């Protein structure tokens, strides 16, 4: 199987899998019952006009399949709606504010992980009895002679 066929099969599987996982999650949350606007004890209640606006946005009065279809459309068009925590902002605004900090953290983690991983991988590879592995056929002889010149 060629790499192109493999990638296409994986993409098709992903296109089918992601909405399936979303449907299962949606069904579990919908089956949990309760009121999504009933905060835990000690937190203020959502004002009635805000609650009605959120119910309209999320189409909570519609049948589940209509609600799920609108949810899918919103996710795939990156329309995540109003924030439940910062009520004066929508989720897209919150994400755009957080993106620079997130990218900085990711780059810092990669800057630490890649050199550390390469270094530890080299130590692990060079601290084996490669000569015995070559005799047993568990390691390529040409690579053994190339690595012999590298001391760690």
Protein backbone atom coordinates (compact mmCIF):
# COMPACT_ATOMS: atom_id res chain seq x y z
CA UNK A 1 0.00 0.00 0.00
CA UNK A 2 1.41 3.38 -0.98
CA UNK A 3 1.73 6.31 1.39
CA UNK A 4 -0.92 8.26 -0.53
CA UNK A 5 -3.49 5.48 -0.15
CA UNK A 6 -2.62 5.16 3.53
CA UNK A 7 -3.06 8.91 4.13
CA UNK A 8 -6.35 9.00 2.22
CA UNK A 9 -7.70 6.02 4.20
CA UNK A 10 -6.71 7.71 7.47
CA UNK A 11 -8.36 10.98 6.45
CA UNK A 12 -11.60 9.20 5.49
CA UNK A 13 -11.55 7.31 8.79
CA UNK A 14 -10.98 10.56 10.68
CA UNK A 15 -13.85 12.29 8.88
CA UNK A 16 -16.13 9.46 10.00
CA UNK A 17 -14.66 9.01 13.47
CA UNK A 18 -14.72 12.61 14.70
CA UNK A 19 -18.48 13.16 14.18
CA UNK A 20 -19.10 9.70 15.67
CA UNK A 21 -17.20 10.58 18.84
CA UNK A 22 -18.99 13.92 18.93
CA UNK A 23 -22.36 12.13 18.65
CA UNK A 24 -21.53 9.75 21.51
CA UNK A 25 -20.36 12.63 23.71
CA UNK A 26 -23.43 14.67 22.79
CA UNK A 27 -25.73 11.74 23.61
CA UNK A 28 -24.05 11.12 26.97
CA UNK A 29 -24.30 14.77 27.96
CA UNK A 30 -27.88 15.01 26.75
CA UNK A 31 -28.81 11.83 28.61
CA UNK A 32 -27.32 13.14 31.85
CA UNK A 33 -30.40 15.28 32.37
CA UNK A 34 -30.28 18.40 34.48
CA UNK A 35 -30.17 22.04 33.58
CA UNK A 36 -27.00 23.38 31.92
CA UNK A 37 -27.76 26.79 33.41
CA UNK A 38 -28.05 25.60 37.01
CA UNK A 39 -24.65 26.47 38.54
CA UNK A 40 -23.15 24.61 41.49
CA UNK A 41 -24.07 25.85 44.93
CA UNK A 42 -22.35 29.08 45.83
CA UNK A 43 -22.27 30.45 42.28
CA UNK A 44 -24.69 33.14 41.08
CA UNK A 45 -27.64 32.14 38.91
CA UNK A 46 -27.66 33.16 35.28
CA UNK A 47 -30.11 36.05 34.69
CA UNK A 48 -33.29 34.96 32.90
CA UNK A 49 -32.70 37.06 29.72
CA UNK A 50 -29.16 35.65 29.38
CA UNK A 51 -30.46 32.13 29.94
CA UNK A 52 -33.10 32.58 27.25
CA UNK A 53 -30.50 33.95 24.81
CA UNK A 54 -28.26 30.92 25.42
CA UNK A 55 -31.19 28.53 25.03
CA UNK A 56 -31.97 30.19 21.70
CA UNK A 57 -28.32 30.08 20.59
CA UNK A 58 -27.91 26.40 21.46
CA UNK A 59 -31.44 25.53 20.19
CA UNK A 60 -32.25 23.64 23.39
CA UNK A 61 -35.98 23.59 22.56
CA UNK A 62 -35.37 21.71 19.28
CA UNK A 63 -35.31 17.90 18.89
CA UNK A 64 -31.95 16.30 19.66
CA UNK A 65 -31.02 15.60 16.02
CA UNK A 66 -31.61 19.24 15.02
CA UNK A 67 -29.63 20.38 18.06
CA UNK A 68 -26.78 18.00 17.13
CA UNK A 69 -26.76 19.09 13.48
CA UNK A 70 -26.49 22.74 14.52
CA UNK A 71 -23.76 21.79 17.00
CA UNK A 72 -21.79 20.04 14.22
CA UNK A 73 -22.19 23.04 11.92
CA UNK A 74 -20.98 25.40 14.65
CA UNK A 75 -17.95 23.25 15.47
CA UNK A 76 -16.87 22.84 11.85
CA UNK A 77 -17.31 26.58 11.17
CA UNK A 78 -15.44 27.47 14.40
CA UNK A 79 -18.47 29.24 15.87
CA UNK A 80 -18.23 28.23 19.52
CA UNK A 81 -20.76 30.74 20.80
CA UNK A 82 -20.84 32.80 23.97
CA UNK A 83 -18.49 32.02 26.85
CA UNK A 84 -20.10 30.50 29.92
CA UNK A 85 -17.40 31.98 32.17
CA UNK A 86 -16.71 35.40 30.67
CA UNK A 87 -20.26 36.29 29.76
CA UNK A 88 -19.40 39.47 27.89
CA UNK A 89 -17.17 37.58 25.41
CA UNK A 90 -17.64 34.77 22.95
CA UNK A 91 -15.41 31.69 22.97
CA UNK A 92 -13.62 32.74 19.78
CA UNK A 93 -12.49 35.99 21.47
CA UNK A 94 -11.28 34.09 24.52
CA UNK A 95 -9.35 31.65 22.30
CA UNK A 96 -7.75 34.44 20.26
CA UNK A 97 -6.61 36.14 23.49
CA UNK A 98 -5.13 32.87 24.77
CA UNK A 99 -3.47 31.74 21.53
CA UNK A 100 -0.17 33.69 21.89
CA UNK A 101 0.41 32.37 25.40
CA UNK A 102 -0.48 28.84 24.32
CA UNK A 103 1.93 28.99 21.35
CA UNK A 104 4.69 30.29 23.63
CA UNK A 105 4.17 27.37 26.03
CA UNK A 106 4.13 24.86 23.17
CA UNK A 107 7.35 26.23 21.68
CA UNK A 108 9.01 26.19 25.10
CA UNK A 109 7.96 22.57 25.64
CA UNK A 110 9.25 21.57 22.19
CA UNK A 111 12.52 23.43 22.80
CA UNK A 112 13.00 21.33 25.95
CA UNK A 113 11.65 18.00 24.73
CA UNK A 114 13.36 17.66 21.36
CA UNK A 115 16.99 18.11 22.48
CA UNK A 116 16.36 16.01 25.57
CA UNK A 117 14.74 13.24 23.52
CA UNK A 118 17.50 13.24 20.93
CA UNK A 119 20.19 13.18 23.60
CA UNK A 120 18.59 10.41 25.62
CA UNK A 121 17.93 8.43 22.44
CA UNK A 122 21.57 8.68 21.45
CA UNK A 123 22.69 7.57 24.91
CA UNK A 124 20.27 4.64 24.85
CA UNK A 125 21.40 3.61 21.37
CA UNK A 126 25.10 3.82 22.10
CA UNK A 127 25.04 2.05 25.44
CA UNK A 128 24.06 -1.34 24.09
CA UNK A 129 26.14 -4.31 23.16
CA UNK A 130 25.84 -3.62 19.45
CA UNK A 131 28.69 -5.96 18.56
CA UNK A 132 26.73 -8.93 19.94
CA UNK A 133 23.58 -7.71 18.21
CA UNK A 134 25.43 -7.58 14.86
CA UNK A 135 26.62 -11.18 15.32
CA UNK A 136 23.05 -12.30 16.11
CA UNK A 137 21.60 -10.37 13.16
CA UNK A 138 19.64 -7.94 15.34
CA UNK A 139 21.52 -4.84 14.15
CA UNK A 140 22.80 -3.80 10.72
CA UNK A 141 26.55 -4.18 10.40
CA UNK A 142 27.03 -1.05 8.26
CA UNK A 143 25.28 1.07 10.90
CA UNK A 144 27.41 -0.51 13.60
CA UNK A 145 30.61 0.63 11.90
CA UNK A 146 29.21 4.13 11.34
CA UNK A 147 28.21 4.45 15.02
CA UNK A 148 31.55 3.14 16.26
CA UNK A 149 33.11 6.42 15.22
CA UNK A 150 30.69 8.41 17.42
CA UNK A 151 31.51 8.49 21.12
CA UNK A 152 29.00 9.87 23.61
